[in-house]
C-alpha atoms as a PDB file:
ATOM      1  CA  MET A   1      58.721 -38.817 -22.497  1.00  0.00           C
ATOM      2  CA  SER A   2      55.586 -40.948 -22.696  1.00  0.00           C
ATOM      3  CA  THR A   3      54.318 -43.125 -19.895  1.00  0.00           C
ATOM      4  CA  TYR A   4      52.328 -46.342 -19.980  1.00  0.00           C
ATOM      5  CA  ASP A   5      50.889 -47.024 -16.509  1.00  0.00           C
ATOM      6  CA  LEU A   6      48.454 -49.531 -15.081  1.00  0.00           C
ATOM      7  CA  TYR A   7      46.445 -48.752 -11.963  1.00  0.00           C
ATOM      8  CA  GLY A   8      43.872 -50.785 -10.056  1.00  0.00           C
ATOM      9  CA  THR A   9      41.262 -50.297  -7.351  1.00  0.00           C
ATOM     10  CA  SER A  10      38.357 -52.074  -5.721  1.00  0.00           C
ATOM     11  CA  ALA A  11      37.223 -49.062  -3.707  1.00  0.00           C
ATOM     12  CA  VAL A  12      35.171 -47.548  -6.555  1.00  0.00           C
ATOM     13  CA  THR A  13      33.128 -48.860  -9.481  1.00  0.00           C
ATOM     14  CA  MET A  14      34.030 -48.294 -13.115  1.00  0.00           C
ATOM     15  CA  ASP A  15      31.403 -45.562 -13.356  1.00  0.00           C
ATOM     16  CA  GLU A  16      32.626 -43.846 -10.185  1.00  0.00           C
ATOM     17  CA  LEU A  17      36.200 -43.952 -11.493  1.00  0.00           C
ATOM     18  CA  ARG A  18      35.026 -42.429 -14.772  1.00  0.00           C
ATOM     19  CA  THR A  19      33.400 -39.529 -12.906  1.00  0.00           C
ATOM     20  CA  LEU A  20      36.491 -38.935 -10.747  1.00  0.00           C
ATOM     21  CA  LEU A  21      38.821 -39.018 -13.758  1.00  0.00           C
ATOM     22  CA  GLU A  22      36.657 -36.691 -15.831  1.00  0.00           C
ATOM     23  CA  ALA A  23      36.937 -34.138 -13.004  1.00  0.00           C
ATOM     24  CA  LEU A  24      40.685 -34.666 -12.532  1.00  0.00           C
ATOM     25  CA  LEU A  25      41.649 -34.750 -16.213  1.00  0.00           C
ATOM     26  CA  GLY A  26      39.046 -32.321 -17.539  1.00  0.00           C
ATOM     27  CA  GLN A  27      38.110 -34.592 -20.416  1.00  0.00           C
ATOM     28  CA  PRO A  28      35.145 -36.885 -21.069  1.00  0.00           C
ATOM     29  CA  PHE A  29      35.113 -40.674 -21.168  1.00  0.00           C
ATOM     30  CA  THR A  30      32.787 -42.559 -23.500  1.00  0.00           C
ATOM     31  CA  GLU A  31      31.344 -45.985 -22.869  1.00  0.00           C
ATOM     32  CA  HIS A  32      32.123 -48.775 -25.331  1.00  0.00           C
ATOM     33  CA  ASP A  33      31.456 -52.495 -25.419  1.00  0.00           C
ATOM     34  CA  SER A  34      33.916 -55.228 -26.334  1.00  0.00           C
ATOM     35  CA  ASP A  35      33.733 -58.995 -26.069  1.00  0.00           C
ATOM     36  CA  TYR A  36      37.537 -58.992 -26.070  1.00  0.00           C
ATOM     37  CA  LEU A  37      37.644 -56.691 -23.019  1.00  0.00           C
ATOM     38  CA  GLY A  38      34.848 -58.537 -21.238  1.00  0.00           C
ATOM     39  CA  GLY A  39      31.976 -56.136 -21.830  1.00  0.00           C
ATOM     40  CA  ALA A  40      31.583 -52.449 -21.123  1.00  0.00           C
ATOM     41  CA  TYR A  41      34.590 -50.190 -20.712  1.00  0.00           C
ATOM     42  CA  PHE A  42      35.281 -46.447 -20.756  1.00  0.00           C
ATOM     43  CA  GLN A  43      37.748 -44.720 -23.093  1.00  0.00           C
ATOM     44  CA  SER A  44      39.115 -41.182 -23.275  1.00  0.00           C
ATOM     45  CA  GLY A  45      41.660 -39.753 -25.672  1.00  0.00           C
ATOM     46  CA  GLU A  46      42.793 -40.521 -29.189  1.00  0.00           C
ATOM     47  CA  ARG A  47      44.368 -43.521 -30.825  1.00  0.00           C
ATOM     48  CA  PHE A  48      48.150 -43.063 -31.194  1.00  0.00           C
ATOM     49  CA  ALA A  49      48.065 -40.261 -28.579  1.00  0.00           C
ATOM     50  CA  GLU A  50      47.477 -39.949 -24.856  1.00  0.00           C
ATOM     51  CA  SER A  51      44.535 -42.130 -23.882  1.00  0.00           C
ATOM     52  CA  PHE A  52      42.917 -43.648 -20.820  1.00  0.00           C
ATOM     53  CA  ARG A  53      40.857 -46.816 -20.560  1.00  0.00           C
ATOM     54  CA  ILE A  54      38.836 -48.105 -17.602  1.00  0.00           C
ATOM     55  CA  VAL A  55      38.165 -51.851 -17.712  1.00  0.00           C
ATOM     56  CA  SER A  56      36.769 -54.503 -15.397  1.00  0.00           C
ATOM     57  CA  ASN A  57      39.096 -57.076 -13.881  1.00  0.00           C
ATOM     58  CA  HIS A  58      36.392 -59.468 -12.692  1.00  0.00           C
ATOM     59  CA  GLY A  59      33.402 -61.376 -13.963  1.00  0.00           C
ATOM     60  CA  ALA A  60      35.213 -63.880 -16.168  1.00  0.00           C
ATOM     61  CA  VAL A  61      34.420 -67.548 -15.548  1.00  0.00           C
ATOM     62  CA  ASP A  62      38.114 -68.441 -15.777  1.00  0.00           C
ATOM     63  CA  PRO A  63      40.525 -66.095 -13.913  1.00  0.00           C
ATOM     64  CA  GLU A  64      43.020 -66.589 -16.759  1.00  0.00           C
ATOM     65  CA  ASP A  65      40.594 -64.699 -19.025  1.00  0.00           C
ATOM     66  CA  LEU A  66      40.878 -61.551 -16.892  1.00  0.00           C
ATOM     67  CA  PRO A  67      42.971 -58.631 -18.159  1.00  0.00           C
ATOM     68  CA  GLU A  68      45.216 -58.851 -15.062  1.00  0.00           C
ATOM     69  CA  PRO A  69      44.883 -62.245 -13.333  1.00  0.00           C
ATOM     70  CA  ASP A  70      47.805 -61.382 -11.018  1.00  0.00           C
ATOM     71  CA  PHE A  71      45.651 -58.685  -9.405  1.00  0.00           C
ATOM     72  CA  LEU A  72      42.423 -60.560  -8.606  1.00  0.00           C
ATOM     73  CA  ASP A  73      41.795 -58.333  -5.578  1.00  0.00           C
ATOM     74  CA  LEU A  74      41.404 -55.287  -7.845  1.00  0.00           C
ATOM     75  CA  HIS A  75      38.110 -55.163  -9.729  1.00  0.00           C
ATOM     76  CA  VAL A  76      38.653 -51.970 -11.726  1.00  0.00           C
ATOM     77  CA  LEU A  77      41.705 -51.180 -13.844  1.00  0.00           C
ATOM     78  CA  LEU A  78      42.897 -47.921 -15.359  1.00  0.00           C
ATOM     79  CA  GLU A  79      45.262 -48.055 -18.321  1.00  0.00           C
ATOM     80  CA  VAL A  80      47.199 -44.853 -19.036  1.00  0.00           C
ATOM     81  CA  ASN A  81      48.697 -44.932 -22.527  1.00  0.00           C
ATOM     82  CA  ASP A  82      51.235 -42.644 -24.181  1.00  0.00           C
ATOM     83  CA  SER A  83      50.875 -39.943 -21.524  1.00  0.00           C
ATOM     84  CA  PRO A  84      53.349 -37.072 -21.247  1.00  0.00           C
ATOM     85  CA  ARG A  85      52.080 -36.430 -17.695  1.00  0.00           C
ATOM     86  CA  GLY A  86      52.852 -39.771 -16.063  1.00  0.00           C
ATOM     87  CA  ALA A  87      54.696 -38.305 -13.077  1.00  0.00           C
ATOM     88  CA  ALA A  88      51.876 -35.848 -12.363  1.00  0.00           C
ATOM     89  CA  LEU A  89      49.291 -38.635 -12.581  1.00  0.00           C
ATOM     90  CA  ARG A  90      51.306 -40.849 -10.238  1.00  0.00           C
ATOM     91  CA  ARG A  91      51.281 -37.927  -7.782  1.00  0.00           C
ATOM     92  CA  ASP A  92      47.631 -36.838  -8.227  1.00  0.00           C
ATOM     93  CA  LEU A  93      45.666 -40.067  -8.723  1.00  0.00           C
ATOM     94  CA  PRO A  94      46.084 -41.439  -5.167  1.00  0.00           C
ATOM     95  CA  ALA A  95      44.590 -38.240  -3.723  1.00  0.00           C
ATOM     96  CA  ALA A  96      41.728 -38.173  -6.250  1.00  0.00           C
ATOM     97  CA  VAL A  97      40.734 -41.849  -6.407  1.00  0.00           C
ATOM     98  CA  PRO A  98      40.079 -43.922  -3.269  1.00  0.00           C
ATOM     99  CA  GLY A  99      42.174 -47.063  -3.007  1.00  0.00           C
ATOM    100  CA  ILE A 100      43.954 -46.699  -6.362  1.00  0.00           C
ATOM    101  CA  ARG A 101      47.320 -48.439  -6.669  1.00  0.00           C
ATOM    102  CA  LEU A 102      50.009 -48.172  -9.316  1.00  0.00           C
ATOM    103  CA  LEU A 103      50.539 -51.727 -10.569  1.00  0.00           C
ATOM    104  CA  ARG A 104      52.981 -51.222 -13.409  1.00  0.00           C
ATOM    105  CA  THR A 105      54.779 -48.332 -15.091  1.00  0.00           C
ATOM    106  CA  THR A 106      56.812 -48.021 -18.266  1.00  0.00           C
ATOM    107  CA  ASP A 107      58.429 -44.861 -19.554  1.00  0.00           C
ATOM    108  CA  ALA A 108      59.068 -44.829 -23.288  1.00  0.00           C
END
């Protein structure tokens, strides 16, 4: 079963989250840039397979342009896509990442 989860935190920066996740997951994240996503973001994994993306949820002039305007208090978002280890991540991420909260989960 694949999981699609969304997490958020304001306790760490995007770069700090990248470092913590690389240690937890044992896989590297690469930095990319996208006007659509509001600038720099970090990606790990493959398209059409398990992947992780770290994006900013602040900095837009209009809050409606943010990826998650319902969570304005959270500046950093983690998207978990097509993961077979959703339950393990829901268990392990809170211990590994300060202030991280599960915002949304979907099992497919």
